[in-house]
Amino acid sequence: MRREGSALQGVGVVTIKEIGDHFSSILVVVLVVLVVATAVVVVRGAVGEIKEITAEDPFLFLRLFTRSGGLLPLATLLSILVPLIAIGLGFDAVSGEHNRRTLSRILSQPIYRDALLFGKFLGGLFILSVSLTVLWLLVIGFGLFALGIPPNAEELARALVVLVVTIAYGGVWLALALLFSVVFRSAAAAALVSLGLWLFLTFLWPLFASQLTVAFGSGDDLLGVLELRQALARLSPSALFSEVVAVVLDPSVRSTQQSMLAAVGLVMLERGSIPDAPIPLLQSVLIVWPQIVALVASTIVLFVIGYVVFQRQEVRA
């Protein structure tokens, strides 16, 4: 039996409903406070360190994202805060409907399961995008006020690329939380499993990757060992995000392996290149394009798995 109409009929209605629910919840109040506090603390700590840099630095504004002033840099904070926000937005998207026994009522309306799942994902992604955009604007605004100089077009473009990549990074964890919200009927179980997987991939997996590299790598081939370690670390979305941010926010970085080689006392030099000379934005994006594609592909794969599981589930009143 073929269903009538588009499978996405009602996506807009569900999305608007989800956005309204998020804005009326205490979660958004917490997000607003968190975003403003993060922007103020990070900019205040970074500006003191930036003022010690010579004014000849053509990318002074980008240092707001990478300097810390004794605190965690904004780029590092984003790699930690964004997954927590995304998981908070998605862990009870479907399991909450099961617990309230409202899922059967929703699906009894002219809304297909496709539209319901798409709408919940888009609603959470919209809230996440708004939060990150506000944080981005606050950092730029506070930096403009504190430094007293406007950012140039290159700096704004690089910061905008980081904003888009951060939203894509949050989409991975939102899709993961939505998947576990479909798999588990309990919202608490979905939240715990999502947070546990985030903790493992973000903090524990780099340690496991190092140990696996030592176990299976050849000590005679240093570059091969480093490449194996980097390949294993890239199984974590946090590692992919960190590589993108490191290259885009620092125009002098010419390879994702540059910081890893520097950690063991090696320097990567290309024939005919000038050390520490900035490279164009397009070249920086091309260097990390595989990582960006991997983040987007991970989001799609996780959402498709959740979609298939949701389509096969039995919904009872």
C-alpha atoms as a PDB file:
ATOM      1  CA  MET A   1       0.000   0.000   0.000  1.00  0.00           C
ATOM      2  CA  ARG A   2       1.409   3.338  -1.060  1.00  0.00           C
ATOM      3  CA  ARG A   3       1.018   6.303   1.230  1.00  0.00           C
ATOM      4  CA  GLU A   4      -0.513   9.477  -0.080  1.00  0.00           C
ATOM      5  CA  GLY A   5       1.251  12.808  -0.263  1.00  0.00           C
ATOM      6  CA  SER A   6       4.853  13.666   0.512  1.00  0.00           C
ATOM      7  CA  ALA A   7       6.659  11.788   3.265  1.00  0.00           C
ATOM      8  CA  LEU A   8       7.872  15.165   4.550  1.00  0.00           C
ATOM      9  CA  GLN A   9       4.406  16.634   4.873  1.00  0.00           C
ATOM     10  CA  GLY A  10       4.255  18.340   8.244  1.00  0.00           C
ATOM     11  CA  VAL A  11       8.012  18.879   8.715  1.00  0.00           C
ATOM     12  CA  GLY A  12       7.494  22.621   9.098  1.00  0.00           C
ATOM     13  CA  VAL A  13       4.753  22.161  11.682  1.00  0.00           C
ATOM     14  CA  VAL A  14       6.839  19.758  13.768  1.00  0.00           C
ATOM     15  CA  THR A  15       9.926  21.980  13.487  1.00  0.00           C
ATOM     16  CA  ILE A  16       8.067  25.081  14.648  1.00  0.00           C
ATOM     17  CA  LYS A  17       6.484  23.114  17.479  1.00  0.00           C
ATOM     18  CA  GLU A  18       9.890  21.833  18.592  1.00  0.00           C
ATOM     19  CA  ILE A  19      11.413  25.308  18.443  1.00  0.00           C
ATOM     20  CA  GLY A  20       8.532  26.665  20.523  1.00  0.00           C
ATOM     21  CA  ASP A  21       8.949  23.887  23.083  1.00  0.00           C
ATOM     22  CA  HIS A  22      12.674  24.544  23.346  1.00  0.00           C
ATOM     23  CA  PHE A  23      12.216  28.300  23.761  1.00  0.00           C
ATOM     24  CA  SER A  24       9.641  27.759  26.498  1.00  0.00           C
ATOM     25  CA  SER A  25      11.849  25.335  28.450  1.00  0.00           C
ATOM     26  CA  ILE A  26      14.383  26.071  31.147  1.00  0.00           C
ATOM     27  CA  LEU A  27      17.076  24.641  28.872  1.00  0.00           C
ATOM     28  CA  VAL A  28      17.136  27.755  26.701  1.00  0.00           C
ATOM     29  CA  VAL A  29      17.525  29.983  29.769  1.00  0.00           C
ATOM     30  CA  VAL A  30      20.525  27.885  30.801  1.00  0.00           C
ATOM     31  CA  LEU A  31      21.896  28.144  27.243  1.00  0.00           C
ATOM     32  CA  VAL A  32      21.598  31.942  27.230  1.00  0.00           C
ATOM     33  CA  VAL A  33      23.422  32.247  30.546  1.00  0.00           C
ATOM     34  CA  LEU A  34      26.065  29.764  29.424  1.00  0.00           C
ATOM     35  CA  VAL A  35      26.635  31.518  26.095  1.00  0.00           C
ATOM     36  CA  VAL A  36      26.957  35.002  27.611  1.00  0.00           C
ATOM     37  CA  ALA A  37      29.189  33.804  30.460  1.00  0.00           C
ATOM     38  CA  THR A  38      31.434  31.899  28.056  1.00  0.00           C
ATOM     39  CA  ALA A  39      31.809  34.894  25.747  1.00  0.00           C
ATOM     40  CA  VAL A  40      32.623  37.316  28.575  1.00  0.00           C
ATOM     41  CA  VAL A  41      35.103  35.038  30.348  1.00  0.00           C
ATOM     42  CA  VAL A  42      36.905  33.923  27.196  1.00  0.00           C
ATOM     43  CA  VAL A  43      37.231  37.392  25.690  1.00  0.00           C
ATOM     44  CA  ARG A  44      38.328  38.932  28.973  1.00  0.00           C
ATOM     45  CA  GLY A  45      41.010  36.290  29.423  1.00  0.00           C
ATOM     46  CA  ALA A  46      42.189  36.408  25.813  1.00  0.00           C
ATOM     47  CA  VAL A  47      42.345  40.186  25.429  1.00  0.00           C
ATOM     48  CA  GLY A  48      44.984  40.542  28.145  1.00  0.00           C
ATOM     49  CA  GLU A  49      47.231  38.094  26.320  1.00  0.00           C
ATOM     50  CA  ILE A  50      46.461  39.545  22.894  1.00  0.00           C
ATOM     51  CA  LYS A  51      47.526  43.046  23.953  1.00  0.00           C
ATOM     52  CA  GLU A  52      51.023  41.690  24.508  1.00  0.00           C
ATOM     53  CA  ILE A  53      51.207  40.662  20.842  1.00  0.00           C
ATOM     54  CA  THR A  54      52.700  43.142  18.433  1.00  0.00           C
ATOM     55  CA  ALA A  55      50.176  45.201  16.505  1.00  0.00           C
ATOM     56  CA  GLU A  56      51.788  43.959  13.280  1.00  0.00           C
ATOM     57  CA  ASP A  57      49.889  40.674  13.599  1.00  0.00           C
ATOM     58  CA  PRO A  58      47.414  40.780  10.675  1.00  0.00           C
ATOM     59  CA  PHE A  59      45.109  38.231  12.318  1.00  0.00           C
ATOM     60  CA  LEU A  60      44.759  39.728  15.775  1.00  0.00           C
ATOM     61  CA  PHE A  61      41.030  39.026  15.996  1.00  0.00           C
ATOM     62  CA  LEU A  62      41.498  35.306  15.373  1.00  0.00           C
ATOM     63  CA  ARG A  63      43.536  35.136  18.576  1.00  0.00           C
ATOM     64  CA  LEU A  64      40.287  35.633  20.491  1.00  0.00           C
ATOM     65  CA  PHE A  65      39.410  32.067  19.559  1.00  0.00           C
ATOM     66  CA  THR A  66      42.820  30.524  20.255  1.00  0.00           C
ATOM     67  CA  ARG A  67      44.306  32.488  23.175  1.00  0.00           C
ATOM     68  CA  SER A  68      43.244  31.736  26.721  1.00  0.00           C
ATOM     69  CA  GLY A  69      44.916  34.101  29.159  1.00  0.00           C
ATOM     70  CA  GLY A  70      45.297  31.251  31.642  1.00  0.00           C
ATOM     71  CA  LEU A  71      41.881  29.760  30.815  1.00  0.00           C
ATOM     72  CA  LEU A  72      40.737  27.314  28.170  1.00  0.00           C
ATOM     73  CA  PRO A  73      40.696  28.831  24.656  1.00  0.00           C
ATOM     74  CA  LEU A  74      37.285  29.308  23.071  1.00  0.00           C
ATOM     75  CA  ALA A  75      37.992  26.618  20.476  1.00  0.00           C
ATOM     76  CA  THR A  76      38.661  24.075  23.237  1.00  0.00           C
ATOM     77  CA  LEU A  77      35.594  25.167  25.192  1.00  0.00           C
ATOM     78  CA  LEU A  78      33.433  24.719  22.098  1.00  0.00           C
ATOM     79  CA  SER A  79      34.674  21.156  21.615  1.00  0.00           C
ATOM     80  CA  ILE A  80      33.380  20.404  25.132  1.00  0.00           C
ATOM     81  CA  LEU A  81      30.266  22.584  25.417  1.00  0.00           C
ATOM     82  CA  VAL A  82      28.737  21.966  21.984  1.00  0.00           C
ATOM     83  CA  PRO A  83      28.281  18.187  22.469  1.00  0.00           C
ATOM     84  CA  LEU A  84      26.697  18.762  25.884  1.00  0.00           C
ATOM     85  CA  ILE A  85      24.254  21.288  24.435  1.00  0.00           C
ATOM     86  CA  ALA A  86      23.425  19.047  21.472  1.00  0.00           C
ATOM     87  CA  ILE A  87      22.860  15.991  23.682  1.00  0.00           C
ATOM     88  CA  GLY A  88      20.664  18.085  25.985  1.00  0.00           C
ATOM     89  CA  LEU A  89      18.530  19.102  23.012  1.00  0.00           C
ATOM     90  CA  GLY A  90      18.084  15.618  21.564  1.00  0.00           C
ATOM     91  CA  PHE A  91      18.219  12.937  24.241  1.00  0.00           C
ATOM     92  CA  ASP A  92      14.445  13.020  24.946  1.00  0.00           C
ATOM     93  CA  ALA A  93      13.178  13.970  21.488  1.00  0.00           C
ATOM     94  CA  VAL A  94      11.446  10.619  20.881  1.00  0.00           C
ATOM     95  CA  SER A  95      11.764   8.879  24.241  1.00  0.00           C
ATOM     96  CA  GLY A  96       9.989  11.813  25.858  1.00  0.00           C
ATOM     97  CA  GLU A  97       7.030  11.275  23.543  1.00  0.00           C
ATOM     98  CA  HIS A  98       6.962   7.612  24.573  1.00  0.00           C
ATOM     99  CA  ASN A  99       7.010   8.500  28.266  1.00  0.00           C
ATOM    100  CA  ARG A 100       4.211  11.056  27.869  1.00  0.00           C
ATOM    101  CA  ARG A 101       2.275   8.603  25.666  1.00  0.00           C
ATOM    102  CA  THR A 102       1.804  11.294  23.044  1.00  0.00           C
ATOM    103  CA  LEU A 103       3.608   9.635  20.133  1.00  0.00           C
ATOM    104  CA  SER A 104       0.535   7.698  18.993  1.00  0.00           C
ATOM    105  CA  ARG A 105      -1.535  10.900  19.085  1.00  0.00           C
ATOM    106  CA  ILE A 106       0.976  12.736  16.921  1.00  0.00           C
ATOM    107  CA  LEU A 107       1.209   9.939  14.381  1.00  0.00           C
ATOM    108  CA  SER A 108      -2.589   9.672  14.218  1.00  0.00           C
ATOM    109  CA  GLN A 109      -2.508  13.113  12.594  1.00  0.00           C
ATOM    110  CA  PRO A 110      -1.637  13.535   8.895  1.00  0.00           C
ATOM    111  CA  ILE A 111       2.073  13.502   9.824  1.00  0.00           C
ATOM    112  CA  TYR A 112       4.361  10.657   8.792  1.00  0.00           C
ATOM    113  CA  ARG A 113       7.195   9.327  10.912  1.00  0.00           C
ATOM    114  CA  ASP A 114       9.644  10.812   8.425  1.00  0.00           C
ATOM    115  CA  ALA A 115       8.333  14.315   9.062  1.00  0.00           C
ATOM    116  CA  LEU A 116       8.296  13.793  12.825  1.00  0.00           C
ATOM    117  CA  LEU A 117      11.937  12.732  12.992  1.00  0.00           C
ATOM    118  CA  PHE A 118      13.117  15.370  10.505  1.00  0.00           C
ATOM    119  CA  GLY A 119      11.196  18.069  12.377  1.00  0.00           C
ATOM    120  CA  LYS A 120      12.679  17.124  15.738  1.00  0.00           C
ATOM    121  CA  PHE A 121      16.195  17.121  14.320  1.00  0.00           C
ATOM    122  CA  LEU A 122      15.747  20.441  12.510  1.00  0.00           C
ATOM    123  CA  GLY A 123      14.200  22.042  15.606  1.00  0.00           C
ATOM    124  CA  GLY A 124      17.149  21.045  17.772  1.00  0.00           C
ATOM    125  CA  LEU A 125      19.643  22.088  15.090  1.00  0.00           C
ATOM    126  CA  PHE A 126      17.957  25.492  14.811  1.00  0.00           C
ATOM    127  CA  ILE A 127      18.267  26.134  18.564  1.00  0.00           C
ATOM    128  CA  LEU A 128      21.894  24.988  18.488  1.00  0.00           C
ATOM    129  CA  SER A 129      22.637  27.242  15.494  1.00  0.00           C
ATOM    130  CA  VAL A 130      21.028  30.271  17.149  1.00  0.00           C
ATOM    131  CA  SER A 131      23.011  29.699  20.354  1.00  0.00           C
ATOM    132  CA  LEU A 132      26.329  29.385  18.517  1.00  0.00           C
ATOM    133  CA  THR A 133      25.587  32.391  16.295  1.00  0.00           C
ATOM    134  CA  VAL A 134      24.827  34.529  19.351  1.00  0.00           C
ATOM    135  CA  LEU A 135      28.078  33.358  20.953  1.00  0.00           C
ATOM    136  CA  TRP A 136      29.987  34.168  17.745  1.00  0.00           C
ATOM    137  CA  LEU A 137      28.485  37.669  17.589  1.00  0.00           C
ATOM    138  CA  LEU A 138      29.183  38.296  21.272  1.00  0.00           C
ATOM    139  CA  VAL A 139      32.823  37.292  20.905  1.00  0.00           C
ATOM    140  CA  ILE A 140      33.244  39.529  17.858  1.00  0.00           C
ATOM    141  CA  GLY A 141      31.435  42.414  19.577  1.00  0.00           C
ATOM    142  CA  PHE A 142      33.294  42.139  22.891  1.00  0.00           C
ATOM    143  CA  GLY A 143      36.574  41.773  21.008  1.00  0.00           C
ATOM    144  CA  LEU A 144      35.841  44.869  18.948  1.00  0.00           C
ATOM    145  CA  PHE A 145      35.076  46.834  22.111  1.00  0.00           C
ATOM    146  CA  ALA A 146      38.122  45.567  24.018  1.00  0.00           C
ATOM    147  CA  LEU A 147      40.707  45.761  21.220  1.00  0.00           C
ATOM    148  CA  GLY A 148      39.411  48.931  19.642  1.00  0.00           C
ATOM    149  CA  ILE A 149      40.142  47.770  16.088  1.00  0.00           C
ATOM    150  CA  PRO A 150      37.760  46.155  13.575  1.00  0.00           C
ATOM    151  CA  PRO A 151      38.438  42.699  12.112  1.00  0.00           C
ATOM    152  CA  ASN A 152      39.376  42.509   8.449  1.00  0.00           C
ATOM    153  CA  ALA A 153      37.478  40.530   5.840  1.00  0.00           C
ATOM    154  CA  GLU A 154      39.856  37.561   6.050  1.00  0.00           C
ATOM    155  CA  GLU A 155      39.378  37.251   9.805  1.00  0.00           C
ATOM    156  CA  LEU A 156      35.592  37.463   9.559  1.00  0.00           C
ATOM    157  CA  ALA A 157      35.538  34.857   6.806  1.00  0.00           C
ATOM    158  CA  ARG A 158      37.692  32.440   8.813  1.00  0.00           C
ATOM    159  CA  ALA A 159      35.586  32.984  11.939  1.00  0.00           C
ATOM    160  CA  LEU A 160      32.432  32.366   9.876  1.00  0.00           C
ATOM    161  CA  VAL A 161      33.854  29.086   8.550  1.00  0.00           C
ATOM    162  CA  VAL A 162      34.554  28.029  12.141  1.00  0.00           C
ATOM    163  CA  LEU A 163      30.951  28.887  13.063  1.00  0.00           C
ATOM    164  CA  VAL A 164      29.571  26.707  10.257  1.00  0.00           C
ATOM    165  CA  VAL A 165      31.903  23.844  11.145  1.00  0.00           C
ATOM    166  CA  THR A 166      30.922  24.129  14.822  1.00  0.00           C
ATOM    167  CA  ILE A 167      27.244  23.807  13.874  1.00  0.00           C
ATOM    168  CA  ALA A 168      28.099  20.718  11.797  1.00  0.00           C
ATOM    169  CA  TYR A 169      30.039  19.342  14.779  1.00  0.00           C
ATOM    170  CA  GLY A 170      27.025  19.900  17.007  1.00  0.00           C
ATOM    171  CA  GLY A 171      24.856  18.160  14.411  1.00  0.00           C
ATOM    172  CA  VAL A 172      26.864  14.957  14.898  1.00  0.00           C
ATOM    173  CA  TRP A 173      26.102  14.827  18.617  1.00  0.00           C
ATOM    174  CA  LEU A 174      22.487  15.896  18.081  1.00  0.00           C
ATOM    175  CA  ALA A 175      22.003  13.041  15.618  1.00  0.00           C
ATOM    176  CA  LEU A 176      23.671  10.661  18.077  1.00  0.00           C
ATOM    177  CA  ALA A 177      21.393  11.773  20.922  1.00  0.00           C
ATOM    178  CA  LEU A 178      18.371  11.460  18.621  1.00  0.00           C
ATOM    179  CA  LEU A 179      19.454   7.931  17.681  1.00  0.00           C
ATOM    180  CA  PHE A 180      19.658   6.838  21.319  1.00  0.00           C
ATOM    181  CA  SER A 181      16.367   8.600  22.008  1.00  0.00           C
ATOM    182  CA  VAL A 182      14.817   6.315  19.383  1.00  0.00           C
ATOM    183  CA  VAL A 183      16.591   3.162  20.581  1.00  0.00           C
ATOM    184  CA  PHE A 184      15.826   3.619  24.281  1.00  0.00           C
ATOM    185  CA  ARG A 185      12.326   4.253  25.567  1.00  0.00           C
ATOM    186  CA  SER A 186      13.786   5.841  28.719  1.00  0.00           C
ATOM    187  CA  ALA A 187      15.076   9.400  28.394  1.00  0.00           C
ATOM    188  CA  ALA A 188      17.495   8.820  31.287  1.00  0.00           C
ATOM    189  CA  ALA A 189      19.040   5.825  29.500  1.00  0.00           C
ATOM    190  CA  ALA A 190      19.387   7.805  26.259  1.00  0.00           C
ATOM    191  CA  ALA A 191      21.085  10.671  28.095  1.00  0.00           C
ATOM    192  CA  LEU A 192      23.476   8.416  30.023  1.00  0.00           C
ATOM    193  CA  VAL A 193      24.529   6.421  26.967  1.00  0.00           C
ATOM    194  CA  SER A 194      25.008   9.596  24.901  1.00  0.00           C
ATOM    195  CA  LEU A 195      27.087  11.265  27.611  1.00  0.00           C
ATOM    196  CA  GLY A 196      29.070   8.088  28.203  1.00  0.00           C
ATOM    197  CA  LEU A 197      29.939   7.770  24.518  1.00  0.00           C
ATOM    198  CA  TRP A 198      30.888  11.461  24.409  1.00  0.00           C
ATOM    199  CA  LEU A 199      33.208  11.039  27.403  1.00  0.00           C
ATOM    200  CA  PHE A 200      34.810   7.975  25.841  1.00  0.00           C
ATOM    201  CA  LEU A 201      35.359   9.489  22.385  1.00  0.00           C
ATOM    202  CA  THR A 202      36.523  12.864  23.686  1.00  0.00           C
ATOM    203  CA  PHE A 203      38.760  12.010  26.629  1.00  0.00           C
ATOM    204  CA  LEU A 204      39.505   8.278  26.647  1.00  0.00           C
ATOM    205  CA  TRP A 205      39.789   7.411  22.960  1.00  0.00           C
ATOM    206  CA  PRO A 206      42.926   9.574  22.388  1.00  0.00           C
ATOM    207  CA  LEU A 207      44.642   7.546  25.126  1.00  0.00           C
ATOM    208  CA  PHE A 208      43.505   4.278  23.557  1.00  0.00           C
ATOM    209  CA  ALA A 209      44.695   5.520  20.152  1.00  0.00           C
ATOM    210  CA  SER A 210      48.154   6.199  21.568  1.00  0.00           C
ATOM    211  CA  GLN A 211      48.354   2.736  23.123  1.00  0.00           C
ATOM    212  CA  LEU A 212      47.150   1.042  19.943  1.00  0.00           C
ATOM    213  CA  THR A 213      49.739   2.978  17.965  1.00  0.00           C
ATOM    214  CA  VAL A 214      52.496   1.769  20.266  1.00  0.00           C
ATOM    215  CA  ALA A 215      51.206  -1.807  20.039  1.00  0.00           C
ATOM    216  CA  PHE A 216      50.786  -2.032  16.258  1.00  0.00           C
ATOM    217  CA  GLY A 217      53.096   0.693  14.928  1.00  0.00           C
ATOM    218  CA  SER A 218      56.694   0.222  13.867  1.00  0.00           C
ATOM    219  CA  GLY A 219      59.211   2.150  15.938  1.00  0.00           C
ATOM    220  CA  ASP A 220      61.546   2.518  12.939  1.00  0.00           C
ATOM    221  CA  ASP A 221      58.993   4.503  10.921  1.00  0.00           C
ATOM    222  CA  LEU A 222      58.217   7.601  12.995  1.00  0.00           C
ATOM    223  CA  LEU A 223      56.036   9.264  10.354  1.00  0.00           C
ATOM    224  CA  GLY A 224      54.086   6.046   9.846  1.00  0.00           C
ATOM    225  CA  VAL A 225      53.453   5.782  13.573  1.00  0.00           C
ATOM    226  CA  LEU A 226      52.259   9.381  13.729  1.00  0.00           C
ATOM    227  CA  GLU A 227      49.961   8.859  10.739  1.00  0.00           C
ATOM    228  CA  LEU A 228      48.474   5.730  12.333  1.00  0.00           C
ATOM    229  CA  ARG A 229      47.917   7.587  15.589  1.00  0.00           C
ATOM    230  CA  GLN A 230      46.231  10.460  13.773  1.00  0.00           C
ATOM    231  CA  ALA A 231      44.039   8.077  11.760  1.00  0.00           C
ATOM    232  CA  LEU A 232      42.850   6.321  14.922  1.00  0.00           C
ATOM    233  CA  ALA A 233      42.245   9.612  16.714  1.00  0.00           C
ATOM    234  CA  ARG A 234      40.068  10.801  13.820  1.00  0.00           C
ATOM    235  CA  LEU A 235      37.446   8.220  14.768  1.00  0.00           C
ATOM    236  CA  SER A 236      36.417  10.806  17.358  1.00  0.00           C
ATOM    237  CA  PRO A 237      34.392  13.809  16.103  1.00  0.00           C
ATOM    238  CA  SER A 238      36.238  15.972  18.632  1.00  0.00           C
ATOM    239  CA  ALA A 239      39.557  15.211  16.925  1.00  0.00           C
ATOM    240  CA  LEU A 240      38.120  16.132  13.523  1.00  0.00           C
ATOM    241  CA  PHE A 241      36.727  19.375  14.905  1.00  0.00           C
ATOM    242  CA  SER A 242      40.022  20.264  16.600  1.00  0.00           C
ATOM    243  CA  GLU A 243      41.950  19.737  13.365  1.00  0.00           C
ATOM    244  CA  VAL A 244      39.584  21.973  11.404  1.00  0.00           C
ATOM    245  CA  VAL A 245      39.711  24.742  14.003  1.00  0.00           C
ATOM    246  CA  ALA A 246      43.510  24.584  14.297  1.00  0.00           C
ATOM    247  CA  VAL A 247      43.997  25.013  10.545  1.00  0.00           C
ATOM    248  CA  VAL A 248      41.282  27.587   9.842  1.00  0.00           C
ATOM    249  CA  LEU A 249      42.033  29.863  12.797  1.00  0.00           C
ATOM    250  CA  ASP A 250      45.797  29.880  12.210  1.00  0.00           C
ATOM    251  CA  PRO A 251      46.693  30.869   8.630  1.00  0.00           C
ATOM    252  CA  SER A 252      50.312  29.812   9.199  1.00  0.00           C
ATOM    253  CA  VAL A 253      49.330  26.146   9.643  1.00  0.00           C
ATOM    254  CA  ARG A 254      49.846  24.257   6.394  1.00  0.00           C
ATOM    255  CA  SER A 255      49.012  20.724   7.472  1.00  0.00           C
ATOM    256  CA  THR A 256      46.933  18.914  10.074  1.00  0.00           C
ATOM    257  CA  GLN A 257      50.127  17.073  11.044  1.00  0.00           C
ATOM    258  CA  GLN A 258      52.054  20.235  11.830  1.00  0.00           C
ATOM    259  CA  SER A 259      51.149  20.422  15.525  1.00  0.00           C
ATOM    260  CA  MET A 260      51.666  16.669  15.947  1.00  0.00           C
ATOM    261  CA  LEU A 261      55.162  16.882  14.454  1.00  0.00           C
ATOM    262  CA  ALA A 262      55.971  19.893  16.618  1.00  0.00           C
ATOM    263  CA  ALA A 263      55.117  17.827  19.708  1.00  0.00           C
ATOM    264  CA  VAL A 264      57.998  15.449  18.893  1.00  0.00           C
ATOM    265  CA  GLY A 265      60.407  18.223  17.916  1.00  0.00           C
ATOM    266  CA  LEU A 266      59.966  18.072  14.136  1.00  0.00           C
ATOM    267  CA  VAL A 267      59.113  20.900  11.750  1.00  0.00           C
ATOM    268  CA  MET A 268      57.284  20.453   8.447  1.00  0.00           C
ATOM    269  CA  LEU A 269      58.669  22.639   5.656  1.00  0.00           C
ATOM    270  CA  GLU A 270      57.418  22.666   2.080  1.00  0.00           C
ATOM    271  CA  ARG A 271      59.804  23.342  -0.763  1.00  0.00           C
ATOM    272  CA  GLY A 272      59.688  27.020  -1.735  1.00  0.00           C
ATOM    273  CA  SER A 273      57.455  28.007   1.186  1.00  0.00           C
ATOM    274  CA  ILE A 274      58.187  30.729   3.713  1.00  0.00           C
ATOM    275  CA  PRO A 275      57.921  29.494   7.329  1.00  0.00           C
ATOM    276  CA  ASP A 276      55.005  31.022   9.293  1.00  0.00           C
ATOM    277  CA  ALA A 277      53.754  32.847   6.177  1.00  0.00           C
ATOM    278  CA  PRO A 278      49.923  32.969   6.065  1.00  0.00           C
ATOM    279  CA  ILE A 279      48.079  31.002   3.416  1.00  0.00           C
ATOM    280  CA  PRO A 280      44.741  31.964   1.786  1.00  0.00           C
ATOM    281  CA  LEU A 281      41.450  30.943   3.351  1.00  0.00           C
ATOM    282  CA  LEU A 282      40.557  28.675   0.426  1.00  0.00           C
ATOM    283  CA  GLN A 283      43.791  26.750   0.877  1.00  0.00           C
ATOM    284  CA  SER A 284      43.117  26.316   4.593  1.00  0.00           C
ATOM    285  CA  VAL A 285      39.618  24.993   3.862  1.00  0.00           C
ATOM    286  CA  LEU A 286      40.978  22.566   1.262  1.00  0.00           C
ATOM    287  CA  ILE A 287      43.441  21.178   3.813  1.00  0.00           C
ATOM    288  CA  VAL A 288      40.650  20.258   6.240  1.00  0.00           C
ATOM    289  CA  TRP A 289      37.942  19.540   3.659  1.00  0.00           C
ATOM    290  CA  PRO A 290      38.053  15.760   4.354  1.00  0.00           C
ATOM    291  CA  GLN A 291      37.453  16.436   8.057  1.00  0.00           C
ATOM    292  CA  ILE A 292      34.504  18.720   7.289  1.00  0.00           C
ATOM    293  CA  VAL A 293      32.995  16.120   4.976  1.00  0.00           C
ATOM    294  CA  ALA A 294      33.526  13.458   7.647  1.00  0.00           C
ATOM    295  CA  LEU A 295      31.565  15.514  10.209  1.00  0.00           C
ATOM    296  CA  VAL A 296      28.657  16.044   7.816  1.00  0.00           C
ATOM    297  CA  ALA A 297      28.720  12.395   6.716  1.00  0.00           C
ATOM    298  CA  SER A 298      28.704  11.229  10.345  1.00  0.00           C
ATOM    299  CA  THR A 299      25.598  13.304  10.993  1.00  0.00           C
ATOM    300  CA  ILE A 300      23.848  11.801   7.965  1.00  0.00           C
ATOM    301  CA  VAL A 301      24.812   8.222   8.854  1.00  0.00           C
ATOM    302  CA  LEU A 302      23.676   8.549  12.478  1.00  0.00           C
ATOM    303  CA  PHE A 303      20.397  10.150  11.435  1.00  0.00           C
ATOM    304  CA  VAL A 304      19.743   7.443   8.825  1.00  0.00           C
ATOM    305  CA  ILE A 305      20.353   4.700  11.403  1.00  0.00           C
ATOM    306  CA  GLY A 306      17.936   6.385  13.797  1.00  0.00           C
ATOM    307  CA  TYR A 307      15.436   6.816  10.953  1.00  0.00           C
ATOM    308  CA  VAL A 308      15.552   3.114  10.043  1.00  0.00           C
ATOM    309  CA  VAL A 309      15.156   2.045  13.677  1.00  0.00           C
ATOM    310  CA  PHE A 310      12.271   4.476  14.190  1.00  0.00           C
ATOM    311  CA  GLN A 311      10.478   3.255  11.079  1.00  0.00           C
ATOM    312  CA  ARG A 312      10.634  -0.340  12.326  1.00  0.00           C
ATOM    313  CA  GLN A 313       9.403   0.401  15.833  1.00  0.00           C
ATOM    314  CA  GLU A 314       5.912  -0.428  16.973  1.00  0.00           C
ATOM    315  CA  VAL A 315       3.982   2.522  18.409  1.00  0.00           C
ATOM    316  CA  ARG A 316       1.361   1.721  21.000  1.00  0.00           C
ATOM    317  CA  ALA A 317      -1.175   4.038  22.550  1.00  0.00           C
END
